[in-house]
Amino acid sequence: MNMIRGLIAGLLGTLVGLLGPVLIVGSYTLLYWYFHETPEMDRRADMKYWRLHAVMPLAGSTIYLGLTAWATFTPRGDYRFARTLVILFCIALPLTGILMKTSLTPERRPYDNSPPLYFSEFLIMLLTPTLVAATLIIIRSRRKEETDTNELSENQ
């Protein structure tokens, strides 16, 4: 296992997961405003919408891309980023959805002054994929150790 390589890849994945959507959607919004001559009132409404509704998707993309990079590059071997991302999504996303539907997080009401993301929601969004990524790392590192042990015994 190469922990340093995995941590560096995880930090880079986290950075891409945060800056990628901001740059893509932000540049689209700016170009839209420029070419359609959007009035000041609509631009302010767009910015308010962003502040209220962009926190959870940004947190999710940051968490998933960072953990995928960590789970891909920590164990020794040739593992694919896209395959790891699919595995992480297929296992962690339904578990996260199930936990979000339980009464572990406060209920959101319309026209409420609730924060964009409760701390309990953030913990659920973070812990579920972290457990799946850690399990993937353990499985992949044990599989690699078993193949290395089998190759050594065959060569002797």
N, C-alpha and C. Protein backbone atom coordinates (compact mmCIF):
# COMPACT_ATOMS: atom_id res chain seq x y z
N MET A 1 0.84 -1.16 0.00
CA MET A 1 0.00 0.00 0.00
C MET A 1 0.89 1.24 0.00
N ASN A 2 0.51 2.22 -0.79
CA ASN A 2 1.27 3.46 -0.89
C ASN A 2 0.38 4.59 -0.37
N MET A 3 0.46 4.86 0.92
CA MET A 3 -0.42 5.83 1.56
C MET A 3 -0.14 7.26 1.10
N ILE A 4 1.12 7.61 0.90
CA ILE A 4 1.45 8.98 0.49
C ILE A 4 0.87 9.26 -0.90
N ARG A 5 1.04 8.32 -1.82
CA ARG A 5 0.48 8.49 -3.16
C ARG A 5 -1.04 8.59 -3.11
N GLY A 6 -1.67 7.80 -2.27
CA GLY A 6 -3.12 7.85 -2.13
C GLY A 6 -3.61 9.15 -1.53
N LEU A 7 -2.90 9.67 -0.53
CA LEU A 7 -3.31 10.94 0.08
C LEU A 7 -3.14 12.11 -0.89
N ILE A 8 -2.04 12.12 -1.64
CA ILE A 8 -1.84 13.18 -2.63
C ILE A 8 -2.92 13.11 -3.70
N ALA A 9 -3.21 11.91 -4.18
CA ALA A 9 -4.26 11.75 -5.19
C ALA A 9 -5.62 12.15 -4.62
N GLY A 10 -5.87 11.83 -3.36
CA GLY A 10 -7.12 12.22 -2.72
C GLY A 10 -7.27 13.73 -2.61
N LEU A 11 -6.19 14.40 -2.27
CA LEU A 11 -6.23 15.87 -2.19
C LEU A 11 -6.44 16.49 -3.57
N LEU A 12 -5.78 15.95 -4.58
CA LEU A 12 -5.99 16.46 -5.94
C LEU A 12 -7.41 16.19 -6.42
N GLY A 13 -7.95 15.01 -6.12
CA GLY A 13 -9.33 14.70 -6.48
C GLY A 13 -10.32 15.61 -5.77
N THR A 14 -10.03 15.93 -4.51
CA THR A 14 -10.88 16.85 -3.77
C THR A 14 -10.86 18.24 -4.39
N LEU A 15 -9.69 18.68 -4.79
CA LEU A 15 -9.55 20.00 -5.41
C LEU A 15 -10.29 20.06 -6.75
N VAL A 16 -10.16 19.01 -7.54
CA VAL A 16 -10.88 18.95 -8.83
C VAL A 16 -12.39 18.87 -8.60
N GLY A 17 -12.80 18.11 -7.58
CA GLY A 17 -14.22 18.00 -7.27
C GLY A 17 -14.84 19.30 -6.80
N LEU A 18 -14.03 20.18 -6.23
CA LEU A 18 -14.54 21.47 -5.78
C LEU A 18 -14.47 22.51 -6.88
N LEU A 19 -13.32 22.61 -7.54
CA LEU A 19 -13.13 23.68 -8.52
C LEU A 19 -13.76 23.38 -9.87
N GLY A 20 -13.85 22.12 -10.25
CA GLY A 20 -14.42 21.76 -11.55
C GLY A 20 -15.84 22.26 -11.74
N PRO A 21 -16.77 21.88 -10.88
CA PRO A 21 -18.15 22.38 -11.05
C PRO A 21 -18.27 23.88 -10.93
N VAL A 22 -17.48 24.50 -10.05
CA VAL A 22 -17.56 25.95 -9.89
C VAL A 22 -17.12 26.64 -11.17
N LEU A 23 -16.02 26.16 -11.76
CA LEU A 23 -15.54 26.78 -12.99
C LEU A 23 -16.50 26.54 -14.16
N ILE A 24 -17.03 25.35 -14.28
CA ILE A 24 -17.92 25.04 -15.40
C ILE A 24 -19.22 25.82 -15.29
N VAL A 25 -19.90 25.73 -14.16
CA VAL A 25 -21.19 26.41 -14.01
C VAL A 25 -21.00 27.92 -13.91
N GLY A 26 -19.93 28.35 -13.25
CA GLY A 26 -19.68 29.78 -13.14
C GLY A 26 -19.39 30.42 -14.49
N SER A 27 -18.57 29.76 -15.31
CA SER A 27 -18.28 30.33 -16.63
C SER A 27 -19.53 30.30 -17.51
N TYR A 28 -20.33 29.25 -17.41
CA TYR A 28 -21.58 29.22 -18.16
C TYR A 28 -22.49 30.38 -17.76
N THR A 29 -22.61 30.60 -16.45
CA THR A 29 -23.48 31.67 -15.96
C THR A 29 -22.98 33.04 -16.43
N LEU A 30 -21.69 33.27 -16.33
CA LEU A 30 -21.14 34.55 -16.77
C LEU A 30 -21.33 34.77 -18.27
N LEU A 31 -21.11 33.72 -19.06
CA LEU A 31 -21.32 33.86 -20.50
C LEU A 31 -22.80 34.07 -20.82
N TYR A 32 -23.67 33.39 -20.10
CA TYR A 32 -25.09 33.57 -20.31
C TYR A 32 -25.49 35.01 -19.99
N TRP A 33 -25.02 35.53 -18.87
CA TRP A 33 -25.33 36.90 -18.52
C TRP A 33 -24.83 37.87 -19.58
N TYR A 34 -23.63 37.62 -20.08
CA TYR A 34 -23.02 38.53 -21.05
C TYR A 34 -23.79 38.52 -22.38
N PHE A 35 -24.08 37.35 -22.91
CA PHE A 35 -24.69 37.27 -24.23
C PHE A 35 -26.18 37.58 -24.23
N HIS A 36 -26.84 37.41 -23.10
CA HIS A 36 -28.28 37.68 -23.03
C HIS A 36 -28.60 39.00 -22.34
N GLU A 37 -27.58 39.75 -22.00
CA GLU A 37 -27.74 41.05 -21.35
C GLU A 37 -28.72 40.97 -20.18
N THR A 38 -28.39 40.14 -19.25
CA THR A 38 -29.25 39.87 -18.09
C THR A 38 -29.28 41.09 -17.17
N PRO A 39 -30.46 41.50 -16.73
CA PRO A 39 -30.55 42.66 -15.82
C PRO A 39 -29.96 42.34 -14.45
N GLU A 40 -29.65 43.38 -13.73
CA GLU A 40 -29.03 43.27 -12.40
C GLU A 40 -29.89 42.45 -11.44
N MET A 41 -31.19 42.62 -11.48
CA MET A 41 -32.08 41.91 -10.58
C MET A 41 -31.99 40.39 -10.81
N ASP A 42 -31.93 39.95 -12.07
CA ASP A 42 -31.83 38.52 -12.36
C ASP A 42 -30.46 37.97 -11.95
N ARG A 43 -29.42 38.76 -12.10
CA ARG A 43 -28.09 38.31 -11.69
C ARG A 43 -28.05 38.12 -10.17
N ARG A 44 -28.66 39.03 -9.44
CA ARG A 44 -28.70 38.89 -7.98
C ARG A 44 -29.51 37.65 -7.57
N ALA A 45 -30.60 37.40 -8.27
CA ALA A 45 -31.41 36.21 -7.97
C ALA A 45 -30.61 34.94 -8.26
N ASP A 46 -29.84 34.94 -9.35
CA ASP A 46 -29.00 33.78 -9.66
C ASP A 46 -27.95 33.55 -8.58
N MET A 47 -27.33 34.61 -8.11
CA MET A 47 -26.30 34.47 -7.07
C MET A 47 -26.91 33.98 -5.75
N LYS A 48 -28.10 34.45 -5.43
CA LYS A 48 -28.77 33.98 -4.21
C LYS A 48 -29.11 32.50 -4.34
N TYR A 49 -29.58 32.10 -5.52
CA TYR A 49 -29.88 30.70 -5.76
C TYR A 49 -28.62 29.85 -5.58
N TRP A 50 -27.50 30.30 -6.10
CA TRP A 50 -26.24 29.58 -5.98
C TRP A 50 -25.85 29.42 -4.52
N ARG A 51 -25.95 30.50 -3.76
CA ARG A 51 -25.55 30.41 -2.35
C ARG A 51 -26.43 29.43 -1.58
N LEU A 52 -27.69 29.34 -1.93
CA LEU A 52 -28.61 28.46 -1.20
C LEU A 52 -28.55 27.01 -1.65
N HIS A 53 -28.40 26.77 -2.93
CA HIS A 53 -28.59 25.41 -3.46
C HIS A 53 -27.34 24.74 -4.01
N ALA A 54 -26.21 25.38 -3.99
CA ALA A 54 -25.02 24.77 -4.58
C ALA A 54 -24.13 24.09 -3.55
N VAL A 55 -24.40 24.27 -2.28
CA VAL A 55 -23.51 23.74 -1.25
C VAL A 55 -23.51 22.21 -1.23
N MET A 56 -24.68 21.60 -1.26
CA MET A 56 -24.75 20.14 -1.17
C MET A 56 -24.16 19.45 -2.41
N PRO A 57 -24.46 19.88 -3.64
CA PRO A 57 -23.81 19.23 -4.79
C PRO A 57 -22.30 19.43 -4.81
N LEU A 58 -21.83 20.61 -4.40
CA LEU A 58 -20.38 20.83 -4.35
C LEU A 58 -19.72 19.94 -3.30
N ALA A 59 -20.35 19.82 -2.15
CA ALA A 59 -19.80 18.95 -1.11
C ALA A 59 -19.79 17.50 -1.58
N GLY A 60 -20.85 17.08 -2.25
CA GLY A 60 -20.91 15.70 -2.75
C GLY A 60 -19.86 15.41 -3.80
N SER A 61 -19.69 16.30 -4.77
CA SER A 61 -18.68 16.05 -5.80
C SER A 61 -17.28 16.09 -5.22
N THR A 62 -17.05 16.97 -4.26
CA THR A 62 -15.74 17.03 -3.61
C THR A 62 -15.45 15.74 -2.86
N ILE A 63 -16.40 15.27 -2.10
CA ILE A 63 -16.20 14.05 -1.31
C ILE A 63 -16.00 12.84 -2.22
N TYR A 64 -16.87 12.68 -3.21
CA TYR A 64 -16.79 11.48 -4.05
C TYR A 64 -15.54 11.44 -4.91
N LEU A 65 -15.15 12.57 -5.50
CA LEU A 65 -13.94 12.55 -6.33
C LEU A 65 -12.69 12.39 -5.49
N GLY A 66 -12.64 13.01 -4.32
CA GLY A 66 -11.48 12.84 -3.45
C GLY A 66 -11.33 11.41 -2.95
N LEU A 67 -12.43 10.82 -2.51
CA LEU A 67 -12.36 9.44 -2.02
C LEU A 67 -12.11 8.43 -3.13
N THR A 68 -12.62 8.72 -4.32
CA THR A 68 -12.34 7.83 -5.45
C THR A 68 -10.87 7.84 -5.80
N ALA A 69 -10.27 9.03 -5.83
CA ALA A 69 -8.83 9.11 -6.10
C ALA A 69 -8.03 8.41 -5.00
N TRP A 70 -8.44 8.57 -3.77
CA TRP A 70 -7.76 7.91 -2.65
C TRP A 70 -7.86 6.39 -2.77
N ALA A 71 -9.05 5.88 -3.08
CA ALA A 71 -9.25 4.44 -3.18
C ALA A 71 -8.60 3.85 -4.43
N THR A 72 -8.37 4.67 -5.45
CA THR A 72 -7.75 4.17 -6.67
C THR A 72 -6.24 4.07 -6.53
N PHE A 73 -5.61 5.06 -5.93
CA PHE A 73 -4.15 5.14 -5.96
C PHE A 73 -3.46 4.69 -4.67
N THR A 74 -4.19 4.37 -3.62
CA THR A 74 -3.54 3.88 -2.40
C THR A 74 -3.07 2.44 -2.54
N PRO A 75 -3.89 1.49 -2.97
CA PRO A 75 -3.37 0.12 -3.09
C PRO A 75 -2.46 -0.02 -4.30
N ARG A 76 -1.53 -0.94 -4.18
CA ARG A 76 -0.66 -1.22 -5.32
C ARG A 76 -1.44 -1.95 -6.38
N GLY A 77 -1.13 -1.68 -7.62
CA GLY A 77 -1.81 -2.34 -8.72
C GLY A 77 -2.37 -1.31 -9.69
N ASP A 78 -2.87 -1.81 -10.77
CA ASP A 78 -3.44 -0.95 -11.81
C ASP A 78 -4.96 -0.94 -11.66
N TYR A 79 -5.46 0.04 -10.96
CA TYR A 79 -6.90 0.20 -10.78
C TYR A 79 -7.34 1.44 -11.53
N ARG A 80 -8.51 1.40 -12.09
CA ARG A 80 -9.04 2.49 -12.90
C ARG A 80 -9.88 3.43 -12.06
N PHE A 81 -9.71 4.73 -12.30
CA PHE A 81 -10.43 5.76 -11.57
C PHE A 81 -11.93 5.66 -11.86
N ALA A 82 -12.29 5.50 -13.13
CA ALA A 82 -13.71 5.46 -13.50
C ALA A 82 -14.40 4.24 -12.89
N ARG A 83 -13.75 3.11 -12.89
CA ARG A 83 -14.34 1.90 -12.31
C ARG A 83 -14.52 2.07 -10.80
N THR A 84 -13.55 2.68 -10.15
CA THR A 84 -13.66 2.92 -8.72
C THR A 84 -14.79 3.90 -8.42
N LEU A 85 -14.94 4.92 -9.26
CA LEU A 85 -16.02 5.89 -9.08
C LEU A 85 -17.38 5.22 -9.23
N VAL A 86 -17.51 4.33 -10.19
CA VAL A 86 -18.78 3.62 -10.39
C VAL A 86 -19.08 2.73 -9.18
N ILE A 87 -18.08 2.03 -8.69
CA ILE A 87 -18.28 1.17 -7.52
C ILE A 87 -18.70 2.01 -6.32
N LEU A 88 -18.01 3.12 -6.11
CA LEU A 88 -18.32 4.00 -4.99
C LEU A 88 -19.74 4.56 -5.10
N PHE A 89 -20.12 4.97 -6.30
CA PHE A 89 -21.47 5.51 -6.50
C PHE A 89 -22.52 4.44 -6.28
N CYS A 90 -22.32 3.27 -6.86
CA CYS A 90 -23.35 2.22 -6.79
C CYS A 90 -23.56 1.69 -5.37
N ILE A 91 -22.55 1.76 -4.54
CA ILE A 91 -22.69 1.25 -3.18
C ILE A 91 -23.03 2.37 -2.19
N ALA A 92 -22.27 3.48 -2.25
CA ALA A 92 -22.41 4.52 -1.24
C ALA A 92 -23.61 5.42 -1.46
N LEU A 93 -23.96 5.70 -2.69
CA LEU A 93 -25.06 6.62 -2.94
C LEU A 93 -26.41 6.10 -2.44
N PRO A 94 -26.77 4.83 -2.68
CA PRO A 94 -28.02 4.34 -2.09
C PRO A 94 -28.00 4.32 -0.56
N LEU A 95 -26.85 3.97 0.02
CA LEU A 95 -26.75 3.99 1.48
C LEU A 95 -26.90 5.41 2.03
N THR A 96 -26.30 6.37 1.35
CA THR A 96 -26.43 7.76 1.77
C THR A 96 -27.88 8.22 1.65
N GLY A 97 -28.54 7.84 0.57
CA GLY A 97 -29.95 8.20 0.39
C GLY A 97 -30.84 7.61 1.46
N ILE A 98 -30.58 6.36 1.82
CA ILE A 98 -31.37 5.71 2.87
C ILE A 98 -31.15 6.42 4.21
N LEU A 99 -29.90 6.74 4.52
CA LEU A 99 -29.62 7.40 5.79
C LEU A 99 -30.16 8.83 5.82
N MET A 100 -30.20 9.50 4.67
CA MET A 100 -30.76 10.86 4.63
C MET A 100 -32.27 10.85 4.85
N LYS A 101 -32.94 9.77 4.45
CA LYS A 101 -34.39 9.68 4.63
C LYS A 101 -34.79 9.35 6.06
N THR A 102 -33.87 8.83 6.84
CA THR A 102 -34.19 8.54 8.24
C THR A 102 -34.24 9.85 9.02
N SER A 103 -34.56 9.76 10.26
CA SER A 103 -34.70 10.97 11.07
C SER A 103 -33.39 11.38 11.73
N LEU A 104 -32.27 11.05 11.10
CA LEU A 104 -30.98 11.44 11.64
C LEU A 104 -30.68 12.92 11.38
N THR A 105 -31.28 13.47 10.35
CA THR A 105 -31.06 14.88 10.02
C THR A 105 -32.35 15.66 10.25
N PRO A 106 -32.23 16.95 10.54
CA PRO A 106 -33.44 17.76 10.73
C PRO A 106 -34.26 17.85 9.44
N GLU A 107 -35.56 17.97 9.61
CA GLU A 107 -36.45 18.07 8.45
C GLU A 107 -36.37 19.47 7.87
N ARG A 108 -36.32 19.55 6.55
CA ARG A 108 -36.28 20.84 5.87
C ARG A 108 -37.71 21.28 5.56
N ARG A 109 -37.99 22.54 5.86
CA ARG A 109 -39.29 23.11 5.55
C ARG A 109 -39.11 24.25 4.59
N PRO A 110 -40.09 24.45 3.70
CA PRO A 110 -39.97 25.60 2.81
C PRO A 110 -40.06 26.91 3.59
N TYR A 111 -39.37 27.90 3.13
CA TYR A 111 -39.34 29.23 3.73
C TYR A 111 -38.82 29.21 5.16
N ASP A 112 -37.90 28.33 5.41
CA ASP A 112 -37.27 28.22 6.72
C ASP A 112 -35.86 28.80 6.61
N ASN A 113 -35.34 29.32 7.67
CA ASN A 113 -33.99 29.86 7.66
C ASN A 113 -32.97 28.78 8.04
N SER A 114 -33.11 27.61 7.47
CA SER A 114 -32.18 26.54 7.76
C SER A 114 -30.91 26.73 6.92
N PRO A 115 -29.80 26.20 7.41
CA PRO A 115 -28.55 26.33 6.65
C PRO A 115 -28.61 25.48 5.37
N PRO A 116 -27.77 25.80 4.39
CA PRO A 116 -27.78 25.02 3.15
C PRO A 116 -27.43 23.55 3.36
N LEU A 117 -26.62 23.28 4.38
CA LEU A 117 -26.21 21.90 4.66
C LEU A 117 -26.03 21.76 6.17
N TYR A 118 -26.85 20.90 6.78
CA TYR A 118 -26.70 20.64 8.21
C TYR A 118 -25.44 19.81 8.44
N PHE A 119 -24.88 19.93 9.63
CA PHE A 119 -23.68 19.17 9.96
C PHE A 119 -23.94 17.67 9.93
N SER A 120 -25.12 17.25 10.37
CA SER A 120 -25.45 15.83 10.34
C SER A 120 -25.55 15.32 8.91
N GLU A 121 -26.06 16.14 7.99
CA GLU A 121 -26.09 15.75 6.57
C GLU A 121 -24.68 15.63 6.01
N PHE A 122 -23.82 16.56 6.40
CA PHE A 122 -22.43 16.49 5.94
C PHE A 122 -21.75 15.23 6.44
N LEU A 123 -22.00 14.87 7.71
CA LEU A 123 -21.39 13.65 8.25
C LEU A 123 -21.87 12.41 7.51
N ILE A 124 -23.17 12.35 7.20
CA ILE A 124 -23.69 11.20 6.46
C ILE A 124 -23.08 11.16 5.06
N MET A 125 -22.99 12.33 4.42
CA MET A 125 -22.40 12.40 3.08
C MET A 125 -20.93 12.01 3.09
N LEU A 126 -20.24 12.23 4.20
CA LEU A 126 -18.81 11.94 4.28
C LEU A 126 -18.53 10.52 4.74
N LEU A 127 -19.23 10.05 5.77
CA LEU A 127 -18.90 8.77 6.38
C LEU A 127 -19.26 7.57 5.49
N THR A 128 -20.38 7.62 4.81
CA THR A 128 -20.79 6.48 4.00
C THR A 128 -19.80 6.19 2.87
N PRO A 129 -19.44 7.16 2.02
CA PRO A 129 -18.45 6.84 0.98
C PRO A 129 -17.05 6.59 1.53
N THR A 130 -16.73 7.18 2.70
CA THR A 130 -15.42 6.91 3.30
C THR A 130 -15.31 5.45 3.71
N LEU A 131 -16.37 4.91 4.29
CA LEU A 131 -16.36 3.49 4.67
C LEU A 131 -16.25 2.59 3.44
N VAL A 132 -16.96 2.94 2.37
CA VAL A 132 -16.90 2.14 1.14
C VAL A 132 -15.50 2.23 0.53
N ALA A 133 -14.91 3.43 0.50
CA ALA A 133 -13.56 3.59 -0.06
C ALA A 133 -12.53 2.84 0.77
N ALA A 134 -12.65 2.90 2.10
CA ALA A 134 -11.71 2.17 2.95
C ALA A 134 -11.84 0.66 2.75
N THR A 135 -13.07 0.19 2.59
CA THR A 135 -13.29 -1.24 2.32
C THR A 135 -12.68 -1.64 0.98
N LEU A 136 -12.82 -0.79 -0.02
CA LEU A 136 -12.20 -1.07 -1.33
C LEU A 136 -10.69 -1.15 -1.21
N ILE A 137 -10.09 -0.25 -0.46
CA ILE A 137 -8.63 -0.25 -0.28
C ILE A 137 -8.18 -1.53 0.41
N ILE A 138 -8.89 -1.93 1.44
CA ILE A 138 -8.53 -3.15 2.17
C ILE A 138 -8.66 -4.37 1.27
N ILE A 139 -9.76 -4.48 0.54
CA ILE A 139 -9.96 -5.63 -0.35
C ILE A 139 -8.88 -5.67 -1.43
N ARG A 140 -8.59 -4.52 -2.04
CA ARG A 140 -7.61 -4.48 -3.11
C ARG A 140 -6.20 -4.76 -2.60
N SER A 141 -5.85 -4.27 -1.44
CA SER A 141 -4.50 -4.53 -0.92
C SER A 141 -4.34 -5.99 -0.51
N ARG A 142 -5.38 -6.60 0.05
CA ARG A 142 -5.30 -8.02 0.39
C ARG A 142 -5.22 -8.89 -0.86
N ARG A 143 -5.97 -8.53 -1.89
CA ARG A 143 -5.93 -9.27 -3.14
C ARG A 143 -4.53 -9.20 -3.76
N LYS A 144 -3.91 -8.04 -3.70
CA LYS A 144 -2.56 -7.87 -4.26
C LYS A 144 -1.55 -8.66 -3.44
N GLU A 145 -1.69 -8.68 -2.11
CA GLU A 145 -0.79 -9.46 -1.27
C GLU A 145 -0.91 -10.95 -1.57
N GLU A 146 -2.15 -11.42 -1.78
CA GLU A 146 -2.36 -12.84 -2.09
C GLU A 146 -1.73 -13.21 -3.42
N THR A 147 -1.87 -12.35 -4.43
CA THR A 147 -1.27 -12.66 -5.74
C THR A 147 0.24 -12.60 -5.65
N ASP A 148 0.80 -11.67 -4.87
CA ASP A 148 2.26 -11.61 -4.70
C ASP A 148 2.77 -12.85 -3.99
N THR A 149 2.04 -13.31 -2.98
CA THR A 149 2.43 -14.51 -2.25
C THR A 149 2.37 -15.74 -3.14
N ASN A 150 1.33 -15.84 -3.97
CA ASN A 150 1.20 -16.97 -4.90
C ASN A 150 2.30 -16.96 -5.95
N GLU A 151 2.66 -15.80 -6.44
CA GLU A 151 3.74 -15.71 -7.44
C GLU A 151 5.10 -16.09 -6.83
N LEU A 152 5.33 -15.70 -5.57
CA LEU A 152 6.58 -16.06 -4.90
C LEU A 152 6.67 -17.56 -4.69
N SER A 153 5.56 -18.19 -4.29
CA SER A 153 5.58 -19.64 -4.02
C SER A 153 5.72 -20.42 -5.33
N GLU A 154 5.19 -19.90 -6.44
CA GLU A 154 5.31 -20.57 -7.74
C GLU A 154 6.73 -20.45 -8.28
N ASN A 155 7.41 -19.37 -8.01
CA ASN A 155 8.77 -19.15 -8.51
C ASN A 155 9.80 -19.95 -7.74
N GLN A 156 9.49 -20.39 -6.52
CA GLN A 156 10.47 -21.12 -5.72
C GLN A 156 10.42 -22.55 -6.08
